[in-house]
Amino acid sequence: MRIVLLLLWLGMSSVSMAADKLHFRDLYGRGGEFSEMAKQKQGQTIRVRGYMAPPIKAQAAFFVLTKMPMSYCPFCESEADWPADIMLVKTDDIIDVVPYNQPIYVTGQLEIGTQVDEETGFLSRVRLVHAEFETAK
């Protein structure tokens, strides 16, 4: 039984273990430009710790990840006002919302560069796509 549980745990955590850790502070260099590290990690699977901002709409397959807990929508700003400590997270399924002050780990493929989402019209500079998340212990 212990072996079965160990194998299940290893299988479930393989995505997070294979991903490189990235911190919000690693995304930008001077003047709001993307850092060399962010450019090198583009397209790769990374893992980021943060907080889920309150959802912009119900039954969504995306959310905003913030460095610190936020009780409002930081994602609804122009690029000029874009904070350096948030990113858009796109999942393959509808998300289960967690409280805005509950830390989470998100694993997904890093995309950088300004983009306006066709479906919602929202602007993003940093995205994690095909992402999964889990609450931090």
N, C-alpha and C. Protein backbone atom coordinates (compact mmCIF):
# COMPACT_ATOMS: atom_id res chain seq x y z
N MET A 1 0.82 -1.20 0.00
CA MET A 1 0.00 0.00 0.00
C MET A 1 0.86 1.26 0.00
N ARG A 2 1.93 1.27 0.80
CA ARG A 2 2.81 2.44 0.85
C ARG A 2 3.46 2.71 -0.50
N ILE A 3 3.82 1.65 -1.20
CA ILE A 3 4.44 1.81 -2.51
C ILE A 3 3.45 2.44 -3.48
N VAL A 4 2.21 1.99 -3.45
CA VAL A 4 1.18 2.55 -4.33
C VAL A 4 0.99 4.03 -4.04
N LEU A 5 0.90 4.41 -2.77
CA LEU A 5 0.74 5.82 -2.41
C LEU A 5 1.95 6.64 -2.84
N LEU A 6 3.14 6.09 -2.68
CA LEU A 6 4.35 6.79 -3.11
C LEU A 6 4.34 7.01 -4.62
N LEU A 7 3.97 5.99 -5.37
CA LEU A 7 3.91 6.12 -6.83
C LEU A 7 2.87 7.14 -7.25
N LEU A 8 1.71 7.15 -6.60
CA LEU A 8 0.69 8.16 -6.90
C LEU A 8 1.21 9.56 -6.61
N TRP A 9 1.86 9.74 -5.48
CA TRP A 9 2.40 11.05 -5.11
C TRP A 9 3.44 11.50 -6.13
N LEU A 10 4.33 10.59 -6.52
CA LEU A 10 5.36 10.93 -7.50
C LEU A 10 4.76 11.31 -8.84
N GLY A 11 3.74 10.61 -9.26
CA GLY A 11 3.07 10.92 -10.52
C GLY A 11 2.38 12.26 -10.49
N MET A 12 1.74 12.59 -9.38
CA MET A 12 1.01 13.85 -9.26
C MET A 12 1.96 15.03 -9.16
N SER A 13 3.11 14.84 -8.58
CA SER A 13 4.01 15.97 -8.38
C SER A 13 5.07 16.08 -9.47
N SER A 14 5.03 15.22 -10.48
CA SER A 14 6.07 15.25 -11.50
C SER A 14 6.05 16.54 -12.31
N VAL A 15 4.88 17.11 -12.57
CA VAL A 15 4.81 18.37 -13.32
C VAL A 15 5.47 19.48 -12.53
N SER A 16 5.15 19.61 -11.23
CA SER A 16 5.75 20.68 -10.44
C SER A 16 7.24 20.48 -10.24
N MET A 17 7.68 19.22 -10.11
CA MET A 17 9.09 18.97 -9.88
C MET A 17 9.91 19.26 -11.13
N ALA A 18 9.33 19.05 -12.33
CA ALA A 18 10.05 19.26 -13.57
C ALA A 18 10.15 20.74 -13.93
N ALA A 19 9.32 21.56 -13.35
CA ALA A 19 9.28 22.98 -13.70
C ALA A 19 10.34 23.76 -12.95
N ASP A 20 10.93 24.74 -13.63
CA ASP A 20 11.87 25.66 -12.99
C ASP A 20 11.08 26.65 -12.16
N LYS A 21 11.61 26.98 -10.98
CA LYS A 21 10.99 28.01 -10.14
C LYS A 21 11.35 29.38 -10.69
N LEU A 22 10.38 30.28 -10.68
CA LEU A 22 10.62 31.65 -11.09
C LEU A 22 9.89 32.55 -10.11
N HIS A 23 10.52 33.62 -9.71
CA HIS A 23 9.91 34.59 -8.80
C HIS A 23 9.47 35.80 -9.61
N PHE A 24 8.48 36.51 -9.10
CA PHE A 24 8.02 37.73 -9.77
C PHE A 24 9.19 38.68 -10.02
N ARG A 25 10.09 38.78 -9.06
CA ARG A 25 11.22 39.72 -9.19
C ARG A 25 12.15 39.34 -10.34
N ASP A 26 12.07 38.09 -10.82
CA ASP A 26 12.92 37.63 -11.91
C ASP A 26 12.41 38.03 -13.29
N LEU A 27 11.20 38.57 -13.37
CA LEU A 27 10.58 38.84 -14.67
C LEU A 27 11.11 40.09 -15.36
N TYR A 28 11.41 41.13 -14.59
CA TYR A 28 11.75 42.42 -15.20
C TYR A 28 13.14 42.88 -14.80
N GLY A 29 13.78 43.59 -15.74
CA GLY A 29 15.04 44.26 -15.47
C GLY A 29 14.76 45.73 -15.25
N ARG A 30 15.71 46.55 -15.58
CA ARG A 30 15.56 48.00 -15.41
C ARG A 30 14.60 48.56 -16.46
N GLY A 31 13.87 49.59 -16.04
CA GLY A 31 12.99 50.29 -16.97
C GLY A 31 11.77 49.52 -17.41
N GLY A 32 11.42 48.46 -16.71
CA GLY A 32 10.22 47.71 -17.07
C GLY A 32 10.40 46.73 -18.22
N GLU A 33 11.62 46.60 -18.72
CA GLU A 33 11.89 45.63 -19.78
C GLU A 33 11.97 44.23 -19.16
N PHE A 34 11.69 43.22 -19.98
CA PHE A 34 11.80 41.85 -19.48
C PHE A 34 13.26 41.52 -19.22
N SER A 35 13.50 40.76 -18.16
CA SER A 35 14.86 40.37 -17.79
C SER A 35 15.38 39.31 -18.77
N GLU A 36 16.69 39.13 -18.77
CA GLU A 36 17.29 38.08 -19.59
C GLU A 36 16.78 36.71 -19.16
N MET A 37 16.59 36.53 -17.84
CA MET A 37 16.08 35.25 -17.35
C MET A 37 14.68 34.98 -17.90
N ALA A 38 13.81 35.99 -17.88
CA ALA A 38 12.45 35.82 -18.41
C ALA A 38 12.50 35.47 -19.89
N LYS A 39 13.36 36.14 -20.63
CA LYS A 39 13.49 35.86 -22.07
C LYS A 39 13.98 34.43 -22.30
N GLN A 40 14.92 33.96 -21.47
CA GLN A 40 15.44 32.61 -21.61
C GLN A 40 14.38 31.56 -21.25
N LYS A 41 13.52 31.89 -20.30
CA LYS A 41 12.51 30.93 -19.83
C LYS A 41 11.25 30.93 -20.70
N GLN A 42 11.12 31.90 -21.61
CA GLN A 42 9.92 31.97 -22.45
C GLN A 42 9.71 30.64 -23.17
N GLY A 43 8.48 30.14 -23.11
CA GLY A 43 8.14 28.88 -23.74
C GLY A 43 8.41 27.67 -22.88
N GLN A 44 9.09 27.85 -21.77
CA GLN A 44 9.40 26.74 -20.87
C GLN A 44 8.35 26.64 -19.77
N THR A 45 8.29 25.47 -19.14
CA THR A 45 7.40 25.26 -18.02
C THR A 45 8.08 25.77 -16.76
N ILE A 46 7.37 26.67 -16.06
CA ILE A 46 7.91 27.24 -14.82
C ILE A 46 6.88 27.10 -13.71
N ARG A 47 7.35 27.33 -12.49
CA ARG A 47 6.50 27.27 -11.30
C ARG A 47 6.65 28.57 -10.54
N VAL A 48 5.52 29.19 -10.19
CA VAL A 48 5.52 30.48 -9.50
C VAL A 48 4.60 30.40 -8.29
N ARG A 49 5.03 31.01 -7.19
CA ARG A 49 4.20 31.11 -5.98
C ARG A 49 3.54 32.47 -5.98
N GLY A 50 2.27 32.52 -5.62
CA GLY A 50 1.56 33.79 -5.57
C GLY A 50 0.17 33.63 -5.00
N TYR A 51 -0.70 34.56 -5.39
CA TYR A 51 -2.08 34.60 -4.88
C TYR A 51 -3.03 34.80 -6.05
N MET A 52 -4.20 34.17 -5.98
CA MET A 52 -5.22 34.33 -7.00
C MET A 52 -6.02 35.59 -6.69
N ALA A 53 -5.99 36.55 -7.61
CA ALA A 53 -6.80 37.75 -7.45
C ALA A 53 -8.27 37.36 -7.62
N PRO A 54 -9.20 38.13 -7.05
CA PRO A 54 -10.62 37.81 -7.23
C PRO A 54 -10.94 37.67 -8.72
N PRO A 55 -11.77 36.69 -9.07
CA PRO A 55 -12.04 36.42 -10.48
C PRO A 55 -12.71 37.60 -11.18
N ILE A 56 -12.37 37.75 -12.44
CA ILE A 56 -12.92 38.81 -13.26
C ILE A 56 -14.32 38.43 -13.73
N LYS A 57 -14.53 37.13 -13.97
CA LYS A 57 -15.85 36.64 -14.36
C LYS A 57 -16.01 35.22 -13.83
N ALA A 58 -17.26 34.82 -13.68
CA ALA A 58 -17.55 33.48 -13.17
C ALA A 58 -17.29 32.44 -14.26
N GLN A 59 -17.07 31.22 -13.84
CA GLN A 59 -16.87 30.10 -14.76
C GLN A 59 -15.78 30.38 -15.79
N ALA A 60 -14.64 30.83 -15.32
CA ALA A 60 -13.54 31.19 -16.21
C ALA A 60 -12.44 30.13 -16.19
N ALA A 61 -11.69 30.08 -17.27
CA ALA A 61 -10.52 29.20 -17.36
C ALA A 61 -9.25 30.05 -17.30
N PHE A 62 -9.32 31.15 -16.55
CA PHE A 62 -8.16 32.01 -16.37
C PHE A 62 -8.32 32.78 -15.07
N PHE A 63 -7.20 33.29 -14.56
CA PHE A 63 -7.22 34.16 -13.39
C PHE A 63 -5.94 34.98 -13.39
N VAL A 64 -5.86 35.92 -12.48
CA VAL A 64 -4.67 36.75 -12.33
C VAL A 64 -3.91 36.29 -11.10
N LEU A 65 -2.62 36.02 -11.27
CA LEU A 65 -1.74 35.65 -10.17
C LEU A 65 -1.00 36.90 -9.72
N THR A 66 -0.99 37.14 -8.42
CA THR A 66 -0.34 38.33 -7.87
C THR A 66 0.75 37.91 -6.88
N LYS A 67 1.71 38.78 -6.70
CA LYS A 67 2.79 38.51 -5.74
C LYS A 67 2.26 38.58 -4.31
N MET A 68 1.41 39.55 -4.05
CA MET A 68 0.82 39.76 -2.73
C MET A 68 -0.70 39.63 -2.86
N PRO A 69 -1.40 39.29 -1.78
CA PRO A 69 -2.86 39.20 -1.85
C PRO A 69 -3.47 40.53 -2.30
N MET A 70 -4.41 40.48 -3.25
CA MET A 70 -5.11 41.67 -3.74
C MET A 70 -6.60 41.38 -3.74
N SER A 71 -7.36 42.33 -3.25
CA SER A 71 -8.81 42.13 -3.19
C SER A 71 -9.53 42.81 -4.34
N TYR A 72 -8.78 43.35 -5.34
CA TYR A 72 -9.39 44.00 -6.50
C TYR A 72 -8.74 43.47 -7.78
N CYS A 73 -9.24 43.89 -8.92
CA CYS A 73 -8.77 43.41 -10.22
C CYS A 73 -7.59 44.25 -10.72
N PRO A 74 -6.35 43.77 -10.58
CA PRO A 74 -5.20 44.53 -11.06
C PRO A 74 -5.05 44.42 -12.57
N PHE A 75 -5.78 43.49 -13.17
CA PHE A 75 -5.65 43.13 -14.57
C PHE A 75 -6.41 44.09 -15.48
N CYS A 76 -7.23 44.95 -14.87
CA CYS A 76 -8.11 45.82 -15.64
C CYS A 76 -7.47 47.18 -15.91
N GLU A 77 -6.15 47.24 -15.96
CA GLU A 77 -5.43 48.50 -16.14
C GLU A 77 -4.83 48.55 -17.55
N SER A 78 -4.33 49.72 -17.94
CA SER A 78 -3.64 49.86 -19.21
C SER A 78 -2.21 49.33 -19.06
N GLU A 79 -1.52 49.16 -20.18
CA GLU A 79 -0.14 48.66 -20.12
C GLU A 79 0.74 49.61 -19.33
N ALA A 80 0.49 50.91 -19.43
CA ALA A 80 1.29 51.89 -18.71
C ALA A 80 1.18 51.70 -17.20
N ASP A 81 0.03 51.22 -16.74
CA ASP A 81 -0.21 51.01 -15.31
C ASP A 81 0.04 49.57 -14.88
N TRP A 82 0.56 48.75 -15.79
CA TRP A 82 0.71 47.32 -15.52
C TRP A 82 1.70 47.08 -14.39
N PRO A 83 1.25 46.50 -13.27
CA PRO A 83 2.18 46.22 -12.17
C PRO A 83 3.18 45.13 -12.56
N ALA A 84 4.36 45.18 -11.98
CA ALA A 84 5.40 44.20 -12.30
C ALA A 84 5.22 42.90 -11.52
N ASP A 85 4.21 42.84 -10.68
CA ASP A 85 4.06 41.67 -9.82
C ASP A 85 2.73 40.95 -10.02
N ILE A 86 2.25 40.92 -11.27
CA ILE A 86 1.07 40.13 -11.59
C ILE A 86 1.29 39.42 -12.93
N MET A 87 0.56 38.33 -13.14
CA MET A 87 0.58 37.66 -14.44
C MET A 87 -0.76 36.96 -14.67
N LEU A 88 -1.13 36.85 -15.93
CA LEU A 88 -2.34 36.16 -16.33
C LEU A 88 -2.04 34.66 -16.35
N VAL A 89 -2.96 33.88 -15.80
CA VAL A 89 -2.83 32.43 -15.81
C VAL A 89 -4.01 31.86 -16.59
N LYS A 90 -3.70 31.10 -17.63
CA LYS A 90 -4.74 30.45 -18.45
C LYS A 90 -4.66 28.95 -18.21
N THR A 91 -5.79 28.37 -17.87
CA THR A 91 -5.87 26.93 -17.61
C THR A 91 -6.63 26.26 -18.74
N ASP A 92 -6.58 24.95 -18.78
CA ASP A 92 -7.31 24.21 -19.80
C ASP A 92 -8.74 23.92 -19.39
N ASP A 93 -9.07 24.14 -18.12
CA ASP A 93 -10.40 23.87 -17.59
C ASP A 93 -10.88 25.05 -16.75
N ILE A 94 -12.18 25.07 -16.46
CA ILE A 94 -12.76 26.07 -15.56
C ILE A 94 -12.08 25.93 -14.20
N ILE A 95 -11.73 27.05 -13.59
CA ILE A 95 -11.00 27.01 -12.32
C ILE A 95 -11.95 26.95 -11.13
N ASP A 96 -11.45 26.39 -10.05
CA ASP A 96 -12.10 26.48 -8.75
C ASP A 96 -11.40 27.63 -8.02
N VAL A 97 -12.15 28.67 -7.73
CA VAL A 97 -11.58 29.87 -7.11
C VAL A 97 -11.14 29.57 -5.69
N VAL A 98 -9.98 30.11 -5.31
CA VAL A 98 -9.51 30.02 -3.93
C VAL A 98 -9.52 31.43 -3.35
N PRO A 99 -9.60 31.55 -2.03
CA PRO A 99 -9.60 32.88 -1.42
C PRO A 99 -8.37 33.69 -1.83
N TYR A 100 -8.56 35.00 -2.00
CA TYR A 100 -7.48 35.86 -2.50
C TYR A 100 -6.25 35.90 -1.59
N ASN A 101 -6.41 35.49 -0.32
CA ASN A 101 -5.27 35.52 0.60
C ASN A 101 -4.67 34.13 0.85
N GLN A 102 -5.06 33.13 0.07
CA GLN A 102 -4.52 31.77 0.16
C GLN A 102 -3.36 31.63 -0.83
N PRO A 103 -2.12 31.40 -0.36
CA PRO A 103 -1.02 31.24 -1.31
C PRO A 103 -1.19 29.98 -2.16
N ILE A 104 -0.77 30.08 -3.43
CA ILE A 104 -0.85 28.95 -4.35
C ILE A 104 0.46 28.84 -5.14
N TYR A 105 0.67 27.66 -5.71
CA TYR A 105 1.76 27.42 -6.65
C TYR A 105 1.11 27.17 -8.00
N VAL A 106 1.62 27.85 -9.02
CA VAL A 106 1.10 27.70 -10.38
C VAL A 106 2.22 27.19 -11.27
N THR A 107 1.92 26.17 -12.05
CA THR A 107 2.88 25.61 -13.00
C THR A 107 2.28 25.73 -14.39
N GLY A 108 3.04 26.31 -15.32
CA GLY A 108 2.55 26.47 -16.68
C GLY A 108 3.66 26.95 -17.61
N GLN A 109 3.31 27.08 -18.86
CA GLN A 109 4.26 27.52 -19.88
C GLN A 109 4.31 29.04 -19.91
N LEU A 110 5.50 29.61 -19.79
CA LEU A 110 5.69 31.06 -19.72
C LEU A 110 5.60 31.70 -21.10
N GLU A 111 4.76 32.74 -21.20
CA GLU A 111 4.69 33.60 -22.38
C GLU A 111 4.93 35.03 -21.91
N ILE A 112 5.76 35.78 -22.64
CA ILE A 112 5.96 37.19 -22.30
C ILE A 112 5.71 38.05 -23.54
N GLY A 113 5.35 39.30 -23.30
CA GLY A 113 5.04 40.24 -24.38
C GLY A 113 3.60 40.72 -24.23
N THR A 114 3.36 41.94 -24.62
CA THR A 114 2.02 42.52 -24.50
C THR A 114 1.05 41.80 -25.41
N GLN A 115 -0.11 41.45 -24.86
CA GLN A 115 -1.13 40.75 -25.61
C GLN A 115 -2.50 41.15 -25.09
N VAL A 116 -3.45 41.35 -26.00
CA VAL A 116 -4.83 41.60 -25.62
C VAL A 116 -5.61 40.34 -25.93
N ASP A 117 -6.29 39.80 -24.92
CA ASP A 117 -7.07 38.57 -25.07
C ASP A 117 -8.27 38.84 -25.97
N GLU A 118 -8.43 38.05 -27.02
CA GLU A 118 -9.53 38.25 -27.97
C GLU A 118 -10.90 38.06 -27.32
N GLU A 119 -11.00 37.08 -26.44
CA GLU A 119 -12.29 36.76 -25.83
C GLU A 119 -12.74 37.82 -24.82
N THR A 120 -11.82 38.27 -23.98
CA THR A 120 -12.20 39.17 -22.89
C THR A 120 -11.81 40.63 -23.13
N GLY A 121 -10.84 40.87 -24.01
CA GLY A 121 -10.35 42.22 -24.23
C GLY A 121 -9.34 42.67 -23.19
N PHE A 122 -8.95 41.78 -22.28
CA PHE A 122 -8.01 42.14 -21.22
C PHE A 122 -6.57 42.13 -21.74
N LEU A 123 -5.78 43.03 -21.19
CA LEU A 123 -4.38 43.19 -21.55
C LEU A 123 -3.49 42.40 -20.59
N SER A 124 -2.44 41.77 -21.11
CA SER A 124 -1.45 41.12 -20.25
C SER A 124 -0.06 41.30 -20.84
N ARG A 125 0.94 41.30 -19.98
CA ARG A 125 2.35 41.33 -20.43
C ARG A 125 3.04 40.00 -20.15
N VAL A 126 2.56 39.27 -19.13
CA VAL A 126 3.14 37.99 -18.76
C VAL A 126 2.01 37.00 -18.57
N ARG A 127 2.19 35.80 -19.14
CA ARG A 127 1.16 34.77 -19.03
C ARG A 127 1.78 33.42 -18.71
N LEU A 128 1.02 32.61 -17.97
CA LEU A 128 1.31 31.18 -17.82
C LEU A 128 0.15 30.47 -18.49
N VAL A 129 0.42 29.67 -19.50
CA VAL A 129 -0.64 28.98 -20.24
C VAL A 129 -0.56 27.48 -19.99
N HIS A 130 -1.70 26.82 -20.25
CA HIS A 130 -1.83 25.38 -19.96
C HIS A 130 -1.41 25.14 -18.52
N ALA A 131 -1.86 26.01 -17.65
CA ALA A 131 -1.40 26.02 -16.26
C ALA A 131 -2.27 25.17 -15.35
N GLU A 132 -1.65 24.75 -14.27
CA GLU A 132 -2.33 24.06 -13.17
C GLU A 132 -1.89 24.73 -11.90
N PHE A 133 -2.73 24.67 -10.86
CA PHE A 133 -2.32 25.28 -9.60
C PHE A 133 -2.73 24.40 -8.44
N GLU A 134 -2.05 24.62 -7.32
CA GLU A 134 -2.35 23.92 -6.08
C GLU A 134 -2.12 24.89 -4.94
N THR A 135 -2.84 24.68 -3.84
CA THR A 135 -2.65 25.56 -2.69
C THR A 135 -1.32 25.24 -2.03
N ALA A 136 -0.68 26.28 -1.52
CA ALA A 136 0.59 26.12 -0.82
C ALA A 136 0.32 25.64 0.59
N LYS A 137 1.15 24.78 1.07
CA LYS A 137 0.97 24.24 2.42
C LYS A 137 1.74 25.07 3.41
